[in-house]
Amino acid sequence: MTRDTTDATARVLVVGEALVDVVPDRDGMPRDLPGGSPANVAIALGRLGRDVRLVTLLGDDERGAVVRAWLESSGVTVLAQPTGSGRTSSAAVTLDDSGAASYVFDLDWELPAVPDEDCDVLHVGSIATVLAPGADAVLATFRAHRGRALLSLDPNARPAITPDRADPVARVEELVALADVVKVSDEDLHWLHPDADPVTTAARWAESGPALVVVTRGGEGAVVVRPGGAPLEVPGVPVTVADTVGAGDTFSGVLLDALLALGVAGADSGAAIRALSDREVLEAVSIAGIGAAINVSRPGADPPSRAELDAALGRPGAGEE
């Protein structure tokens, strides 16, 4: 990057679901892999050496213990409240011939409140932002941190959980207007606003509040939209795909890490992003794409470590732990 003002003391708070992905192995047999979109973002940041805490729900069961251990092994501080059912949530994953994933959920998101945690970055996303009753606590936390922290949103569309668009679309639009950074896939935008071109929706969002909206398009790369600017293309990263589980989450985590390296955190983060040059923003998004490519090259949600990302970027000292 053109500058490196990395602050290892920046505090990142992630709020959202942690669960077990039940993913078929090469023989088609199911296996449990820890996951959940916000949890994957936390893992990505933890593996990059960030101070990250995850507010979530976990059952008092074997799956919950596995998910907690997975998070903690990557440096994530787990702030878990118990599920009402006692079970840890799960998602049955189906992979198509290209490795693209679809999900069927058994999910508990009865989060009563989010602890009052100081942070420099707050990330929310996925089911946690739209599924009642916990979605209300997520929105209240996002509102409370407006102007105090860099607000990041990744609004994954989950039709199996919220088949009626009206309520989730309204909630997502409210969160977008509060956010500083939005990362969203073209597929999610198609579901949220099927009658509009995804980039057109992203441009509208960029004028409603966020300083940066990034539309990911799988292997086709990403489109960057900034308020008042023309869309900017970022090419895809050639890679042999094992599956796409956790790809967008890794992208979000690495993008936040890259923005932190540019000195974006805390109060006035929106203004700090607007002050970045297009070159700096495009480089940050390109790094996020490389991180996501590493993730999809191996099964399940498996974001890169700092050493792996540095090696892929050809940085000095790459490969040293």
Protein backbone atom coordinates (compact mmCIF):
# COMPACT_ATOMS: atom_id res chain seq x y z
CA MET A 1 0.00 0.00 0.00
CA THR A 2 1.04 3.59 -0.40
CA ARG A 3 1.10 4.07 3.37
CA ASP A 4 1.03 1.81 6.41
CA THR A 5 -0.29 3.27 9.61
CA THR A 6 -1.36 -0.09 11.03
CA ASP A 7 -2.55 0.23 14.61
CA ALA A 8 -2.38 -3.18 16.25
CA THR A 9 -4.33 -1.77 19.21
CA ALA A 10 -7.46 -1.03 17.13
CA ARG A 11 -10.39 -2.83 18.72
CA VAL A 12 -12.78 -4.66 16.41
CA LEU A 13 -16.22 -5.81 17.55
CA VAL A 14 -18.20 -8.25 15.40
CA VAL A 15 -21.84 -9.02 16.18
CA GLY A 16 -23.66 -11.94 14.61
CA GLU A 17 -24.23 -15.64 14.28
CA ALA A 18 -21.72 -18.41 14.87
CA LEU A 19 -22.78 -21.89 13.84
CA VAL A 20 -21.74 -25.20 12.34
CA ASP A 21 -21.76 -25.66 8.57
CA VAL A 22 -22.64 -29.25 7.72
CA VAL A 23 -20.64 -29.62 4.50
CA PRO A 24 -20.35 -32.72 2.26
CA ASP A 25 -16.83 -34.10 1.94
CA ARG A 26 -15.37 -35.47 -1.30
CA ASP A 27 -17.35 -38.68 -0.83
CA GLY A 28 -20.57 -36.78 -0.18
CA MET A 29 -20.60 -37.57 3.54
CA PRO A 30 -21.60 -34.73 5.90
CA ARG A 31 -19.00 -33.19 8.17
CA ASP A 32 -19.23 -30.36 10.68
CA LEU A 33 -17.18 -27.23 9.98
CA PRO A 34 -17.45 -24.16 12.24
CA GLY A 35 -18.76 -21.07 10.46
CA GLY A 36 -21.39 -18.36 10.30
CA SER A 37 -20.76 -15.20 8.28
CA PRO A 38 -19.92 -12.81 11.16
CA ALA A 39 -17.87 -15.52 12.88
CA ASN A 40 -15.90 -16.01 9.66
CA VAL A 41 -15.21 -12.26 9.49
CA ALA A 42 -13.95 -12.38 13.08
CA ILE A 43 -11.73 -15.36 12.25
CA ALA A 44 -10.27 -13.55 9.23
CA LEU A 45 -9.40 -10.53 11.38
CA GLY A 46 -8.04 -12.67 14.21
CA ARG A 47 -5.73 -14.56 11.85
CA LEU A 48 -4.42 -11.23 10.62
CA GLY A 49 -3.46 -10.31 14.17
CA ARG A 50 -6.31 -7.93 14.94
CA ASP A 51 -7.82 -7.47 18.41
CA VAL A 52 -11.29 -8.84 17.66
CA ARG A 53 -14.26 -9.81 19.82
CA LEU A 54 -17.37 -11.67 18.65
CA VAL A 55 -20.77 -11.21 20.29
CA THR A 56 -22.85 -14.26 19.41
CA LEU A 57 -25.01 -17.12 20.68
CA LEU A 58 -23.69 -20.65 21.29
CA GLY A 59 -25.39 -23.73 22.67
CA ASP A 60 -24.07 -25.65 25.66
CA ASP A 61 -23.26 -28.66 23.50
CA GLU A 62 -20.41 -30.34 21.67
CA ARG A 63 -20.88 -28.21 18.58
CA GLY A 64 -20.74 -25.04 20.67
CA ALA A 65 -17.48 -26.16 22.25
CA VAL A 66 -16.03 -26.85 18.81
CA VAL A 67 -17.05 -23.43 17.47
CA ARG A 68 -15.66 -21.65 20.55
CA ALA A 69 -12.33 -23.50 20.27
CA TRP A 70 -12.14 -22.70 16.55
CA LEU A 71 -12.66 -19.01 17.20
CA GLU A 72 -10.25 -18.82 20.12
CA SER A 73 -7.53 -20.69 18.22
CA SER A 74 -7.48 -17.79 15.74
CA GLY A 75 -7.26 -15.14 18.45
CA VAL A 76 -10.95 -14.21 18.63
CA THR A 77 -12.33 -13.29 22.06
CA VAL A 78 -15.73 -14.98 22.26
CA LEU A 79 -18.52 -13.09 24.05
CA ALA A 80 -21.19 -15.78 23.72
CA GLN A 81 -24.63 -15.84 25.29
CA PRO A 82 -26.55 -19.16 25.52
CA THR A 83 -29.11 -20.18 22.92
CA GLY A 84 -32.66 -20.63 24.13
CA SER A 85 -32.76 -24.20 22.81
CA GLY A 86 -29.41 -25.20 24.26
CA ARG A 87 -28.31 -26.22 20.76
CA THR A 88 -25.71 -24.51 18.62
CA SER A 89 -27.14 -23.29 15.33
CA SER A 90 -26.29 -25.14 12.12
CA ALA A 91 -26.47 -24.74 8.35
CA ALA A 92 -26.73 -27.69 5.97
CA VAL A 93 -24.58 -26.77 2.97
CA THR A 94 -25.16 -27.98 -0.60
CA LEU A 95 -22.43 -27.46 -3.19
CA ASP A 96 -23.09 -27.27 -6.93
CA ASP A 97 -20.65 -28.42 -9.61
CA SER A 98 -18.70 -25.14 -9.40
CA GLY A 99 -18.35 -25.32 -5.62
CA ALA A 100 -20.92 -22.57 -4.99
CA ALA A 101 -22.74 -23.07 -1.71
CA SER A 102 -26.41 -22.88 -0.72
CA TYR A 103 -27.73 -23.27 2.84
CA VAL A 104 -30.62 -24.65 4.89
CA PHE A 105 -30.57 -23.27 8.45
CA ASP A 106 -31.47 -24.46 11.94
CA LEU A 107 -30.86 -21.13 13.62
CA ASP A 108 -31.42 -19.54 17.02
CA TRP A 109 -30.95 -15.75 17.05
CA GLU A 110 -32.73 -14.61 20.23
CA LEU A 111 -29.97 -12.19 21.21
CA PRO A 112 -31.46 -10.00 23.97
CA ALA A 113 -28.81 -7.28 23.91
CA VAL A 114 -25.23 -6.55 22.89
CA PRO A 115 -22.76 -5.80 25.72
CA ASP A 116 -21.65 -2.17 25.85
CA GLU A 117 -18.20 -2.71 24.37
CA ASP A 118 -15.93 0.13 23.25
CA CYS A 119 -14.53 -0.46 19.78
CA ASP A 120 -12.85 1.28 16.86
CA VAL A 121 -14.55 -0.93 14.26
CA LEU A 122 -18.01 -2.51 14.44
CA HIS A 123 -18.95 -5.15 11.86
CA VAL A 124 -22.41 -6.70 11.49
CA GLY A 125 -24.01 -8.76 8.79
CA SER A 126 -25.91 -11.71 7.46
CA ILE A 127 -28.81 -13.33 9.29
CA ALA A 128 -28.12 -11.46 12.52
CA THR A 129 -29.20 -8.17 10.94
CA VAL A 130 -32.64 -9.32 9.75
CA LEU A 131 -33.85 -12.23 11.92
CA ALA A 132 -36.08 -11.29 14.86
CA PRO A 133 -35.75 -10.88 17.73
CA GLY A 134 -31.96 -10.51 17.76
CA ALA A 135 -31.91 -8.17 14.75
CA ASP A 136 -33.30 -5.37 16.93
CA ALA A 137 -30.30 -5.60 19.27
CA VAL A 138 -27.93 -5.50 16.29
CA LEU A 139 -29.59 -2.40 14.85
CA ALA A 140 -29.56 -0.65 18.24
CA THR A 141 -25.83 -1.36 18.59
CA PHE A 142 -25.12 -0.07 15.08
CA ARG A 143 -27.01 3.13 15.83
CA ALA A 144 -25.22 3.58 19.17
CA HIS A 145 -21.77 3.37 17.55
CA ARG A 146 -22.53 5.80 14.72
CA GLY A 147 -19.81 8.45 14.78
CA ARG A 148 -17.79 6.49 17.35
CA ALA A 149 -16.46 3.62 15.25
CA LEU A 150 -15.96 2.51 11.65
CA LEU A 151 -19.29 0.83 10.86
CA SER A 152 -19.08 -2.13 8.47
CA LEU A 153 -22.01 -4.06 6.97
CA ASP A 154 -22.19 -7.27 4.92
CA PRO A 155 -25.90 -7.87 4.21
CA ASN A 156 -25.97 -11.51 3.05
CA ALA A 157 -29.36 -12.42 1.62
CA ARG A 158 -30.77 -15.64 3.08
CA PRO A 159 -34.14 -16.34 1.39
CA ALA A 160 -34.52 -19.62 3.33
CA ILE A 161 -34.62 -17.59 6.56
CA THR A 162 -36.50 -14.51 5.33
CA PRO A 163 -38.51 -15.50 2.24
CA ASP A 164 -40.56 -12.28 2.39
CA ARG A 165 -38.37 -9.44 1.08
CA ALA A 166 -40.21 -6.50 2.62
CA ASP A 167 -38.92 -6.62 6.20
CA PRO A 168 -35.29 -7.59 5.46
CA VAL A 169 -35.03 -5.02 2.66
CA ALA A 170 -36.26 -2.25 4.96
CA ARG A 171 -33.84 -3.33 7.70
CA VAL A 172 -30.90 -3.55 5.29
CA GLU A 173 -31.65 -0.12 3.85
CA GLU A 174 -31.65 1.36 7.36
CA LEU A 175 -28.32 -0.28 8.19
CA VAL A 176 -26.79 0.83 4.89
CA ALA A 177 -27.63 4.46 5.64
CA LEU A 178 -25.77 4.16 8.97
CA ALA A 179 -22.75 2.28 7.62
CA ASP A 180 -19.37 3.65 6.55
CA VAL A 181 -18.44 0.54 4.52
CA VAL A 182 -20.76 -1.93 2.81
CA LYS A 183 -19.55 -5.10 1.16
CA VAL A 184 -22.30 -6.94 -0.74
CA SER A 185 -22.38 -9.60 -3.44
CA ASP A 186 -24.15 -9.12 -6.75
CA GLU A 187 -26.34 -12.12 -5.87
CA ASP A 188 -27.43 -10.49 -2.62
CA LEU A 189 -28.29 -7.28 -4.46
CA HIS A 190 -30.29 -9.25 -7.06
CA TRP A 191 -32.37 -10.75 -4.25
CA LEU A 192 -32.80 -7.51 -2.31
CA HIS A 193 -33.67 -5.42 -5.39
CA PRO A 194 -34.42 -7.79 -8.29
CA ASP A 195 -35.64 -5.05 -10.63
CA ALA A 196 -32.45 -2.96 -10.43
CA ASP A 197 -28.95 -3.48 -11.73
CA PRO A 198 -26.69 -4.36 -8.75
CA VAL A 199 -24.21 -1.57 -9.45
CA THR A 200 -27.06 0.93 -9.76
CA THR A 201 -28.31 -0.13 -6.33
CA ALA A 202 -24.77 0.14 -4.95
CA ALA A 203 -24.46 3.67 -6.35
CA ARG A 204 -27.74 4.64 -4.72
CA TRP A 205 -26.52 3.19 -1.44
CA ALA A 206 -23.26 5.16 -1.71
CA GLU A 207 -25.26 8.37 -1.90
CA SER A 208 -27.34 7.46 1.18
CA GLY A 209 -24.52 7.36 3.74
CA PRO A 210 -21.64 4.91 3.18
CA ALA A 211 -18.26 6.22 2.09
CA LEU A 212 -17.54 2.95 0.29
CA VAL A 213 -19.71 0.23 -1.26
CA VAL A 214 -18.02 -2.83 -2.74
CA VAL A 215 -19.98 -5.26 -4.92
CA THR A 216 -18.31 -8.68 -5.17
CA ARG A 217 -18.92 -10.82 -8.24
CA GLY A 218 -17.18 -14.11 -7.44
CA GLY A 219 -14.49 -14.96 -9.94
CA GLU A 220 -15.34 -11.84 -11.95
CA GLY A 221 -13.82 -9.57 -9.30
CA ALA A 222 -15.51 -6.58 -7.69
CA VAL A 223 -16.95 -3.16 -8.41
CA VAL A 224 -16.08 -0.24 -6.12
CA VAL A 225 -18.57 2.59 -5.71
CA ARG A 226 -17.76 5.83 -3.89
CA PRO A 227 -20.12 8.77 -3.34
CA GLY A 228 -20.19 10.98 -6.41
CA GLY A 229 -17.77 8.82 -8.36
CA ALA A 230 -18.00 6.45 -11.31
CA PRO A 231 -17.89 2.71 -10.53
CA LEU A 232 -14.36 1.27 -10.50
CA GLU A 233 -13.59 -2.28 -11.60
CA VAL A 234 -11.29 -4.66 -9.70
CA PRO A 235 -10.40 -7.83 -11.64
CA GLY A 236 -10.88 -11.30 -10.21
CA VAL A 237 -8.06 -13.50 -8.93
CA PRO A 238 -7.52 -16.75 -10.89
CA VAL A 239 -7.84 -19.70 -8.49
CA THR A 240 -8.91 -23.33 -8.42
CA VAL A 241 -12.04 -23.33 -6.26
CA ALA A 242 -12.55 -26.00 -3.60
CA ASP A 243 -15.79 -24.32 -2.50
CA THR A 244 -17.06 -20.79 -1.86
CA VAL A 245 -17.91 -21.18 1.82
CA GLY A 246 -16.66 -18.11 3.68
CA ALA A 247 -15.40 -16.31 0.56
CA GLY A 248 -17.36 -13.10 1.06
CA ASP A 249 -16.69 -13.12 4.79
CA THR A 250 -12.95 -13.41 4.23
CA PHE A 251 -13.23 -10.54 1.73
CA SER A 252 -14.94 -8.40 4.39
CA GLY A 253 -12.37 -9.22 7.06
CA VAL A 254 -9.37 -8.58 4.84
CA LEU A 255 -10.91 -5.35 3.53
CA LEU A 256 -11.35 -4.07 7.09
CA ASP A 257 -7.75 -5.03 7.87
CA ALA A 258 -6.56 -3.13 4.78
CA LEU A 259 -8.57 -0.06 5.78
CA LEU A 260 -7.09 -0.21 9.28
CA ALA A 261 -3.64 -0.30 7.65
CA LEU A 262 -4.60 2.97 5.95
CA GLY A 263 -5.44 4.55 9.30
CA VAL A 264 -9.23 4.28 9.02
CA ALA A 265 -10.84 3.57 12.41
CA GLY A 266 -12.87 5.17 15.15
CA ALA A 267 -14.73 8.46 14.93
CA ASP A 268 -14.91 10.20 11.55
CA SER A 269 -14.12 6.98 9.68
CA GLY A 270 -16.43 7.97 6.85
CA ALA A 271 -14.48 11.18 6.30
CA ALA A 272 -11.21 9.24 6.48
CA ILE A 273 -12.38 6.87 3.74
CA ARG A 274 -13.54 9.75 1.56
CA ALA A 275 -10.06 11.27 1.93
CA LEU A 276 -8.41 8.16 0.49
CA SER A 277 -7.38 8.21 -3.14
CA ASP A 278 -8.99 5.85 -5.64
CA ARG A 279 -5.65 4.08 -5.87
CA GLU A 280 -5.59 3.40 -2.13
CA VAL A 281 -9.17 2.15 -2.13
CA LEU A 282 -8.61 -0.08 -5.18
CA GLU A 283 -5.50 -1.57 -3.62
CA ALA A 284 -7.38 -2.34 -0.39
CA VAL A 285 -10.17 -4.04 -2.37
CA SER A 286 -7.62 -5.97 -4.46
CA ILE A 287 -5.98 -7.27 -1.28
CA ALA A 288 -9.41 -8.37 -0.03
CA GLY A 289 -9.92 -10.27 -3.29
CA ILE A 290 -6.60 -12.06 -2.85
CA GLY A 291 -7.56 -13.04 0.69
CA ALA A 292 -10.88 -14.43 -0.56
CA ALA A 293 -9.08 -16.37 -3.30
CA ILE A 294 -6.90 -18.08 -0.70
CA ASN A 295 -10.03 -19.01 1.24
CA VAL A 296 -11.85 -20.58 -1.72
CA SER A 297 -8.79 -22.63 -2.67
CA ARG A 298 -9.43 -24.87 0.35
CA PRO A 299 -12.59 -26.47 1.82
CA GLY A 300 -14.85 -24.58 4.20
CA ALA A 301 -14.32 -21.17 5.72
CA ASP A 302 -10.54 -21.02 6.08
CA PRO A 303 -9.23 -17.43 5.84
CA PRO A 304 -5.50 -16.81 5.42
CA SER A 305 -3.05 -16.03 8.19
CA ARG A 306 -1.02 -12.83 8.06
CA ALA A 307 1.96 -14.82 6.77
CA GLU A 308 -0.11 -16.44 4.01
CA LEU A 309 -1.58 -13.14 2.90
CA ASP A 310 1.82 -11.43 2.95
CA ALA A 311 3.27 -14.28 0.89
CA ALA A 312 0.49 -13.95 -1.68
CA LEU A 313 1.16 -10.21 -1.85
CA GLY A 314 4.91 -10.68 -2.15
CA ARG A 315 5.57 -8.55 0.90
CA PRO A 316 9.04 -8.49 2.56
CA GLY A 317 9.32 -11.06 5.32
CA ALA A 318 6.41 -13.07 3.91
CA GLY A 319 6.10 -16.54 5.34
CA GLU A 320 7.51 -15.60 8.74
CA GLU A 321 5.22 -16.33 11.68
